[in-house]
Amino acid sequence: MHKKVLFNRIAWIEKNLEGIRSLPLESYDVFMKDKRNIRVAEFYLRKGLEAVLDLGRYILINGFGIQVSKYEEIAEKLDENGVLSKKDVILLKIIAYKCYQLVYYRSEITEKDIYKMCKEELEKLSRLKDAYSYWIKANFEKIAATLH
């Protein structure tokens, strides 16, 4: 793995954040004026959540040789290996739960839930993107030997 791959993954997170930010999130009524916003929001939200989790998984596999099978394990292993702060680990666990909901219980999530998730998860995704970026920049040379 090269530094470029890591930063391309961070850029993918940012692209999804930009997609969410481009939506009319000032109120639910404004958001729902165009019903297509639900599908667009769901796409960017799900892809953003998955991207944050995938980058964590990628760091674990390629930087530490740690395989994980569940979303919540990503946060736990990143915590154990000092990649994220305790506060960021909590945020990643929330993100993991939200992603799990979107993937496995989508039929139970309402349009209002999607809107609310966009409003609430945007800051968390952005913070985690920044935390990963900081960690990668500070530790790249240390882990470069183990990355493929």
N, C-alpha and C. Protein backbone atom coordinates (compact mmCIF):
# COMPACT_ATOMS: atom_id res chain seq x y z
N MET A 1 0.84 -1.17 0.00
CA MET A 1 0.00 0.00 0.00
C MET A 1 0.89 1.23 0.00
N HIS A 2 0.49 2.21 -0.69
CA HIS A 2 1.22 3.45 -0.76
C HIS A 2 0.44 4.56 -0.06
N LYS A 3 1.16 5.60 0.26
CA LYS A 3 0.54 6.75 0.90
C LYS A 3 -0.63 7.27 0.04
N LYS A 4 -0.45 7.20 -1.26
CA LYS A 4 -1.48 7.67 -2.19
C LYS A 4 -2.81 6.93 -1.97
N VAL A 5 -2.75 5.64 -1.73
CA VAL A 5 -3.96 4.85 -1.51
C VAL A 5 -4.70 5.35 -0.28
N LEU A 6 -3.96 5.58 0.80
CA LEU A 6 -4.58 6.08 2.03
C LEU A 6 -5.26 7.42 1.80
N PHE A 7 -4.55 8.32 1.13
CA PHE A 7 -5.12 9.65 0.93
C PHE A 7 -6.23 9.65 -0.12
N ASN A 8 -6.23 8.71 -1.05
CA ASN A 8 -7.37 8.56 -1.96
C ASN A 8 -8.62 8.12 -1.19
N ARG A 9 -8.41 7.29 -0.18
CA ARG A 9 -9.55 6.86 0.64
C ARG A 9 -10.08 8.03 1.48
N ILE A 10 -9.20 8.86 1.95
CA ILE A 10 -9.64 10.05 2.69
C ILE A 10 -10.39 10.99 1.75
N ALA A 11 -9.90 11.12 0.51
CA ALA A 11 -10.58 11.96 -0.48
C ALA A 11 -11.98 11.41 -0.78
N TRP A 12 -12.14 10.09 -0.77
CA TRP A 12 -13.45 9.48 -1.00
C TRP A 12 -14.41 9.83 0.15
N ILE A 13 -13.91 9.81 1.36
CA ILE A 13 -14.74 10.23 2.50
C ILE A 13 -15.18 11.67 2.30
N GLU A 14 -14.24 12.54 1.93
CA GLU A 14 -14.56 13.96 1.73
C GLU A 14 -15.57 14.15 0.61
N LYS A 15 -15.46 13.37 -0.45
CA LYS A 15 -16.42 13.48 -1.56
C LYS A 15 -17.84 13.18 -1.07
N ASN A 16 -17.97 12.17 -0.24
CA ASN A 16 -19.29 11.84 0.30
C ASN A 16 -19.78 12.90 1.28
N LEU A 17 -18.88 13.47 2.05
CA LEU A 17 -19.26 14.57 2.93
C LEU A 17 -19.76 15.77 2.12
N GLU A 18 -19.07 16.07 1.03
CA GLU A 18 -19.49 17.17 0.17
C GLU A 18 -20.88 16.90 -0.41
N GLY A 19 -21.14 15.65 -0.76
CA GLY A 19 -22.46 15.28 -1.26
C GLY A 19 -23.55 15.55 -0.24
N ILE A 20 -23.29 15.20 1.01
CA ILE A 20 -24.27 15.46 2.08
C ILE A 20 -24.41 16.96 2.29
N ARG A 21 -23.29 17.67 2.32
CA ARG A 21 -23.34 19.13 2.53
C ARG A 21 -24.10 19.86 1.42
N SER A 22 -24.13 19.28 0.23
CA SER A 22 -24.80 19.93 -0.90
C SER A 22 -26.32 19.84 -0.82
N LEU A 23 -26.81 19.03 0.07
CA LEU A 23 -28.26 18.85 0.21
C LEU A 23 -28.87 20.00 1.02
N PRO A 24 -30.15 20.30 0.78
CA PRO A 24 -30.82 21.35 1.55
C PRO A 24 -31.22 20.83 2.94
N LEU A 25 -30.31 20.93 3.89
CA LEU A 25 -30.54 20.36 5.22
C LEU A 25 -31.03 21.38 6.25
N GLU A 26 -31.37 22.58 5.80
CA GLU A 26 -31.79 23.60 6.77
C GLU A 26 -33.07 23.24 7.51
N SER A 27 -33.95 22.45 6.88
CA SER A 27 -35.13 21.95 7.57
C SER A 27 -35.65 20.72 6.83
N TYR A 28 -36.40 19.91 7.54
CA TYR A 28 -36.96 18.70 6.94
C TYR A 28 -37.91 19.06 5.80
N ASP A 29 -38.72 20.10 5.99
CA ASP A 29 -39.67 20.50 4.96
C ASP A 29 -38.96 20.93 3.67
N VAL A 30 -37.91 21.70 3.81
CA VAL A 30 -37.14 22.12 2.64
C VAL A 30 -36.50 20.89 1.98
N PHE A 31 -35.95 20.03 2.79
CA PHE A 31 -35.31 18.81 2.31
C PHE A 31 -36.29 17.96 1.50
N MET A 32 -37.52 17.85 1.96
CA MET A 32 -38.52 16.98 1.33
C MET A 32 -39.23 17.62 0.14
N LYS A 33 -38.94 18.86 -0.16
CA LYS A 33 -39.56 19.49 -1.34
C LYS A 33 -39.20 18.74 -2.62
N ASP A 34 -38.04 18.15 -2.61
CA ASP A 34 -37.61 17.32 -3.74
C ASP A 34 -37.38 15.92 -3.19
N LYS A 35 -38.27 15.00 -3.51
CA LYS A 35 -38.21 13.63 -2.98
C LYS A 35 -36.92 12.90 -3.37
N ARG A 36 -36.26 13.36 -4.42
CA ARG A 36 -35.00 12.73 -4.82
C ARG A 36 -33.92 12.93 -3.76
N ASN A 37 -34.07 13.93 -2.93
CA ASN A 37 -33.07 14.19 -1.89
C ASN A 37 -32.89 13.00 -0.96
N ILE A 38 -33.96 12.26 -0.73
CA ILE A 38 -33.87 11.08 0.16
C ILE A 38 -32.89 10.08 -0.41
N ARG A 39 -33.02 9.75 -1.68
CA ARG A 39 -32.13 8.75 -2.29
C ARG A 39 -30.70 9.26 -2.38
N VAL A 40 -30.54 10.52 -2.72
CA VAL A 40 -29.20 11.11 -2.80
C VAL A 40 -28.57 11.11 -1.41
N ALA A 41 -29.34 11.53 -0.41
CA ALA A 41 -28.85 11.57 0.97
C ALA A 41 -28.47 10.17 1.44
N GLU A 42 -29.33 9.21 1.16
CA GLU A 42 -29.05 7.84 1.58
C GLU A 42 -27.77 7.33 0.92
N PHE A 43 -27.58 7.61 -0.36
CA PHE A 43 -26.38 7.18 -1.06
C PHE A 43 -25.12 7.76 -0.41
N TYR A 44 -25.08 9.10 -0.28
CA TYR A 44 -23.88 9.73 0.27
C TYR A 44 -23.66 9.35 1.73
N LEU A 45 -24.74 9.23 2.47
CA LEU A 45 -24.62 8.86 3.88
C LEU A 45 -24.04 7.45 4.02
N ARG A 46 -24.63 6.52 3.30
CA ARG A 46 -24.16 5.14 3.40
C ARG A 46 -22.71 5.02 2.91
N LYS A 47 -22.41 5.64 1.80
CA LYS A 47 -21.05 5.57 1.27
C LYS A 47 -20.05 6.27 2.20
N GLY A 48 -20.46 7.35 2.82
CA GLY A 48 -19.59 8.04 3.77
C GLY A 48 -19.33 7.21 5.01
N LEU A 49 -20.38 6.60 5.55
CA LEU A 49 -20.22 5.74 6.72
C LEU A 49 -19.32 4.55 6.39
N GLU A 50 -19.59 3.91 5.25
CA GLU A 50 -18.78 2.76 4.85
C GLU A 50 -17.33 3.16 4.61
N ALA A 51 -17.11 4.32 4.02
CA ALA A 51 -15.75 4.77 3.71
C ALA A 51 -14.93 4.98 4.99
N VAL A 52 -15.55 5.55 6.01
CA VAL A 52 -14.86 5.76 7.29
C VAL A 52 -14.51 4.41 7.92
N LEU A 53 -15.42 3.48 7.88
CA LEU A 53 -15.16 2.16 8.43
C LEU A 53 -14.13 1.40 7.59
N ASP A 54 -14.24 1.50 6.29
CA ASP A 54 -13.29 0.81 5.41
C ASP A 54 -11.87 1.32 5.59
N LEU A 55 -11.71 2.61 5.77
CA LEU A 55 -10.36 3.15 5.98
C LEU A 55 -9.78 2.61 7.29
N GLY A 56 -10.61 2.54 8.32
CA GLY A 56 -10.15 1.96 9.59
C GLY A 56 -9.74 0.51 9.42
N ARG A 57 -10.56 -0.24 8.70
CA ARG A 57 -10.25 -1.65 8.43
C ARG A 57 -8.96 -1.77 7.62
N TYR A 58 -8.79 -0.91 6.66
CA TYR A 58 -7.60 -0.92 5.80
C TYR A 58 -6.33 -0.66 6.62
N ILE A 59 -6.41 0.30 7.52
CA ILE A 59 -5.27 0.60 8.40
C ILE A 59 -4.95 -0.61 9.28
N LEU A 60 -5.98 -1.23 9.82
CA LEU A 60 -5.76 -2.40 10.68
C LEU A 60 -5.11 -3.55 9.93
N ILE A 61 -5.63 -3.85 8.76
CA ILE A 61 -5.10 -4.98 7.99
C ILE A 61 -3.69 -4.71 7.52
N ASN A 62 -3.49 -3.56 6.90
CA ASN A 62 -2.21 -3.28 6.26
C ASN A 62 -1.16 -2.70 7.19
N GLY A 63 -1.59 -2.06 8.25
CA GLY A 63 -0.64 -1.46 9.18
C GLY A 63 -0.29 -2.33 10.37
N PHE A 64 -1.25 -3.18 10.76
CA PHE A 64 -1.05 -3.97 11.97
C PHE A 64 -1.27 -5.47 11.76
N GLY A 65 -1.71 -5.86 10.57
CA GLY A 65 -1.97 -7.27 10.29
C GLY A 65 -3.17 -7.80 11.04
N ILE A 66 -4.13 -6.93 11.35
CA ILE A 66 -5.31 -7.32 12.13
C ILE A 66 -6.53 -7.41 11.22
N GLN A 67 -7.15 -8.57 11.21
CA GLN A 67 -8.38 -8.78 10.45
C GLN A 67 -9.58 -8.60 11.39
N VAL A 68 -10.60 -7.94 10.91
CA VAL A 68 -11.84 -7.80 11.67
C VAL A 68 -13.01 -8.17 10.77
N SER A 69 -14.05 -8.71 11.36
CA SER A 69 -15.21 -9.11 10.55
C SER A 69 -16.45 -8.27 10.81
N LYS A 70 -16.49 -7.57 11.93
CA LYS A 70 -17.67 -6.76 12.26
C LYS A 70 -17.29 -5.30 12.36
N TYR A 71 -18.24 -4.44 12.02
CA TYR A 71 -18.01 -3.01 12.06
C TYR A 71 -17.51 -2.53 13.42
N GLU A 72 -18.16 -3.00 14.48
CA GLU A 72 -17.80 -2.50 15.82
C GLU A 72 -16.40 -2.92 16.23
N GLU A 73 -15.89 -4.01 15.66
CA GLU A 73 -14.53 -4.45 15.96
C GLU A 73 -13.48 -3.47 15.43
N ILE A 74 -13.82 -2.78 14.37
CA ILE A 74 -12.88 -1.82 13.80
C ILE A 74 -12.52 -0.77 14.84
N ALA A 75 -13.54 -0.20 15.48
CA ALA A 75 -13.30 0.82 16.50
C ALA A 75 -12.48 0.26 17.66
N GLU A 76 -12.83 -0.93 18.11
CA GLU A 76 -12.12 -1.53 19.24
C GLU A 76 -10.64 -1.74 18.93
N LYS A 77 -10.34 -2.26 17.74
CA LYS A 77 -8.95 -2.54 17.37
C LYS A 77 -8.17 -1.26 17.09
N LEU A 78 -8.82 -0.25 16.53
CA LEU A 78 -8.13 1.03 16.33
C LEU A 78 -7.80 1.65 17.68
N ASP A 79 -8.69 1.48 18.65
CA ASP A 79 -8.45 1.96 20.01
C ASP A 79 -7.26 1.23 20.62
N GLU A 80 -7.27 -0.09 20.55
CA GLU A 80 -6.18 -0.90 21.13
C GLU A 80 -4.82 -0.56 20.53
N ASN A 81 -4.81 -0.12 19.28
CA ASN A 81 -3.54 0.17 18.60
C ASN A 81 -3.22 1.66 18.54
N GLY A 82 -3.96 2.46 19.28
CA GLY A 82 -3.65 3.88 19.40
C GLY A 82 -3.87 4.72 18.16
N VAL A 83 -4.73 4.27 17.27
CA VAL A 83 -4.98 5.02 16.05
C VAL A 83 -5.95 6.17 16.31
N LEU A 84 -6.96 5.93 17.13
CA LEU A 84 -7.97 6.96 17.43
C LEU A 84 -8.02 7.24 18.92
N SER A 85 -8.42 8.46 19.25
CA SER A 85 -8.63 8.83 20.65
C SER A 85 -9.88 8.13 21.18
N LYS A 86 -10.04 8.12 22.47
CA LYS A 86 -11.23 7.49 23.08
C LYS A 86 -12.51 8.13 22.55
N LYS A 87 -12.51 9.45 22.42
CA LYS A 87 -13.69 10.16 21.91
C LYS A 87 -13.99 9.74 20.47
N ASP A 88 -12.94 9.62 19.66
CA ASP A 88 -13.14 9.22 18.27
C ASP A 88 -13.56 7.76 18.16
N VAL A 89 -13.11 6.92 19.06
CA VAL A 89 -13.53 5.53 19.09
C VAL A 89 -15.05 5.46 19.35
N ILE A 90 -15.53 6.26 20.26
CA ILE A 90 -16.97 6.31 20.54
C ILE A 90 -17.73 6.76 19.30
N LEU A 91 -17.22 7.79 18.62
CA LEU A 91 -17.87 8.26 17.38
C LEU A 91 -17.88 7.17 16.33
N LEU A 92 -16.77 6.44 16.21
CA LEU A 92 -16.71 5.37 15.20
C LEU A 92 -17.69 4.25 15.54
N LYS A 93 -17.89 3.98 16.81
CA LYS A 93 -18.88 2.96 17.20
C LYS A 93 -20.29 3.41 16.82
N ILE A 94 -20.56 4.69 16.97
CA ILE A 94 -21.86 5.24 16.56
C ILE A 94 -22.01 5.11 15.04
N ILE A 95 -20.96 5.46 14.32
CA ILE A 95 -20.96 5.34 12.86
C ILE A 95 -21.19 3.89 12.45
N ALA A 96 -20.52 2.98 13.13
CA ALA A 96 -20.68 1.55 12.82
C ALA A 96 -22.14 1.11 13.00
N TYR A 97 -22.76 1.57 14.07
CA TYR A 97 -24.16 1.22 14.33
C TYR A 97 -25.07 1.79 13.26
N LYS A 98 -24.84 3.03 12.87
CA LYS A 98 -25.67 3.68 11.85
C LYS A 98 -25.50 2.97 10.51
N CYS A 99 -24.28 2.60 10.18
CA CYS A 99 -24.02 1.88 8.93
C CYS A 99 -24.74 0.53 8.95
N TYR A 100 -24.64 -0.15 10.06
CA TYR A 100 -25.32 -1.44 10.22
C TYR A 100 -26.83 -1.28 10.00
N GLN A 101 -27.39 -0.22 10.56
CA GLN A 101 -28.82 0.04 10.37
C GLN A 101 -29.15 0.24 8.89
N LEU A 102 -28.35 1.06 8.21
CA LEU A 102 -28.61 1.35 6.80
C LEU A 102 -28.48 0.11 5.92
N VAL A 103 -27.56 -0.76 6.26
CA VAL A 103 -27.32 -1.94 5.44
C VAL A 103 -28.36 -3.03 5.73
N TYR A 104 -28.58 -3.32 6.99
CA TYR A 104 -29.40 -4.48 7.35
C TYR A 104 -30.84 -4.19 7.75
N TYR A 105 -31.15 -2.95 8.08
CA TYR A 105 -32.50 -2.62 8.52
C TYR A 105 -33.05 -1.41 7.76
N ARG A 106 -32.65 -1.27 6.50
CA ARG A 106 -33.05 -0.11 5.71
C ARG A 106 -34.56 0.05 5.65
N SER A 107 -35.30 -1.03 5.57
CA SER A 107 -36.76 -0.95 5.45
C SER A 107 -37.42 -0.34 6.69
N GLU A 108 -36.70 -0.32 7.80
CA GLU A 108 -37.24 0.23 9.04
C GLU A 108 -36.86 1.70 9.25
N ILE A 109 -36.03 2.23 8.36
CA ILE A 109 -35.57 3.61 8.49
C ILE A 109 -36.47 4.52 7.66
N THR A 110 -37.00 5.54 8.30
CA THR A 110 -37.91 6.46 7.64
C THR A 110 -37.15 7.57 6.91
N GLU A 111 -37.87 8.32 6.11
CA GLU A 111 -37.28 9.48 5.43
C GLU A 111 -36.77 10.50 6.44
N LYS A 112 -37.52 10.66 7.51
CA LYS A 112 -37.10 11.58 8.56
C LYS A 112 -35.81 11.10 9.23
N ASP A 113 -35.67 9.78 9.39
CA ASP A 113 -34.44 9.21 9.95
C ASP A 113 -33.23 9.52 9.06
N ILE A 114 -33.42 9.39 7.74
CA ILE A 114 -32.33 9.68 6.81
C ILE A 114 -31.92 11.15 6.94
N TYR A 115 -32.90 12.02 6.96
CA TYR A 115 -32.62 13.46 7.11
C TYR A 115 -31.85 13.71 8.42
N LYS A 116 -32.35 13.13 9.50
CA LYS A 116 -31.73 13.33 10.81
C LYS A 116 -30.29 12.78 10.83
N MET A 117 -30.08 11.63 10.22
CA MET A 117 -28.74 11.05 10.16
C MET A 117 -27.78 11.99 9.42
N CYS A 118 -28.24 12.56 8.32
CA CYS A 118 -27.39 13.49 7.57
C CYS A 118 -26.99 14.66 8.45
N LYS A 119 -27.93 15.19 9.18
CA LYS A 119 -27.64 16.33 10.06
C LYS A 119 -26.68 15.93 11.19
N GLU A 120 -26.90 14.78 11.78
CA GLU A 120 -26.14 14.37 12.97
C GLU A 120 -24.80 13.71 12.65
N GLU A 121 -24.71 12.98 11.56
CA GLU A 121 -23.51 12.20 11.29
C GLU A 121 -22.46 12.98 10.50
N LEU A 122 -22.86 14.07 9.88
CA LEU A 122 -21.92 14.86 9.08
C LEU A 122 -20.70 15.29 9.89
N GLU A 123 -20.94 15.83 11.07
CA GLU A 123 -19.83 16.29 11.91
C GLU A 123 -18.96 15.12 12.38
N LYS A 124 -19.59 14.00 12.70
CA LYS A 124 -18.83 12.82 13.15
C LYS A 124 -17.93 12.30 12.04
N LEU A 125 -18.49 12.20 10.83
CA LEU A 125 -17.70 11.72 9.70
C LEU A 125 -16.53 12.65 9.41
N SER A 126 -16.78 13.93 9.48
CA SER A 126 -15.72 14.91 9.23
C SER A 126 -14.63 14.81 10.29
N ARG A 127 -15.03 14.68 11.54
CA ARG A 127 -14.05 14.57 12.62
C ARG A 127 -13.21 13.30 12.48
N LEU A 128 -13.84 12.19 12.12
CA LEU A 128 -13.10 10.94 11.95
C LEU A 128 -12.16 11.01 10.75
N LYS A 129 -12.60 11.64 9.68
CA LYS A 129 -11.73 11.83 8.52
C LYS A 129 -10.48 12.60 8.93
N ASP A 130 -10.68 13.66 9.70
CA ASP A 130 -9.55 14.46 10.17
C ASP A 130 -8.65 13.67 11.12
N ALA A 131 -9.24 12.85 11.97
CA ALA A 131 -8.45 12.03 12.90
C ALA A 131 -7.59 11.02 12.14
N TYR A 132 -8.17 10.37 11.15
CA TYR A 132 -7.40 9.44 10.32
C TYR A 132 -6.27 10.18 9.61
N SER A 133 -6.59 11.32 9.01
CA SER A 133 -5.58 12.09 8.27
C SER A 133 -4.40 12.44 9.18
N TYR A 134 -4.71 12.91 10.36
CA TYR A 134 -3.67 13.28 11.32
C TYR A 134 -2.82 12.07 11.69
N TRP A 135 -3.46 10.96 12.00
CA TRP A 135 -2.74 9.76 12.41
C TRP A 135 -1.86 9.25 11.27
N ILE A 136 -2.39 9.22 10.06
CA ILE A 136 -1.62 8.72 8.92
C ILE A 136 -0.39 9.60 8.70
N LYS A 137 -0.57 10.91 8.72
CA LYS A 137 0.56 11.81 8.52
C LYS A 137 1.61 11.64 9.62
N ALA A 138 1.17 11.48 10.85
CA ALA A 138 2.10 11.37 11.98
C ALA A 138 2.78 10.00 12.06
N ASN A 139 2.18 8.98 11.49
CA ASN A 139 2.68 7.62 11.68
C ASN A 139 3.05 6.88 10.40
N PHE A 140 2.96 7.54 9.28
CA PHE A 140 3.17 6.82 8.03
C PHE A 140 4.54 6.16 7.96
N GLU A 141 5.58 6.87 8.31
CA GLU A 141 6.93 6.29 8.22
C GLU A 141 7.09 5.09 9.15
N LYS A 142 6.46 5.16 10.29
CA LYS A 142 6.55 4.07 11.27
C LYS A 142 5.90 2.79 10.75
N ILE A 143 4.80 2.94 10.03
CA ILE A 143 4.09 1.75 9.57
C ILE A 143 4.36 1.41 8.10
N ALA A 144 5.07 2.27 7.39
CA ALA A 144 5.28 2.07 5.95
C ALA A 144 5.91 0.71 5.65
N ALA A 145 6.76 0.23 6.50
CA ALA A 145 7.44 -1.05 6.26
C ALA A 145 6.47 -2.22 6.25
N THR A 146 5.37 -2.09 6.99
CA THR A 146 4.41 -3.20 7.04
C THR A 146 3.32 -3.06 6.01
N LEU A 147 3.21 -1.90 5.37
CA LEU A 147 2.16 -1.69 4.37
C LEU A 147 2.59 -2.20 3.01
N HIS A 148 1.67 -2.76 2.29
CA HIS A 148 1.95 -3.32 0.95
C HIS A 148 1.48 -2.34 -0.10
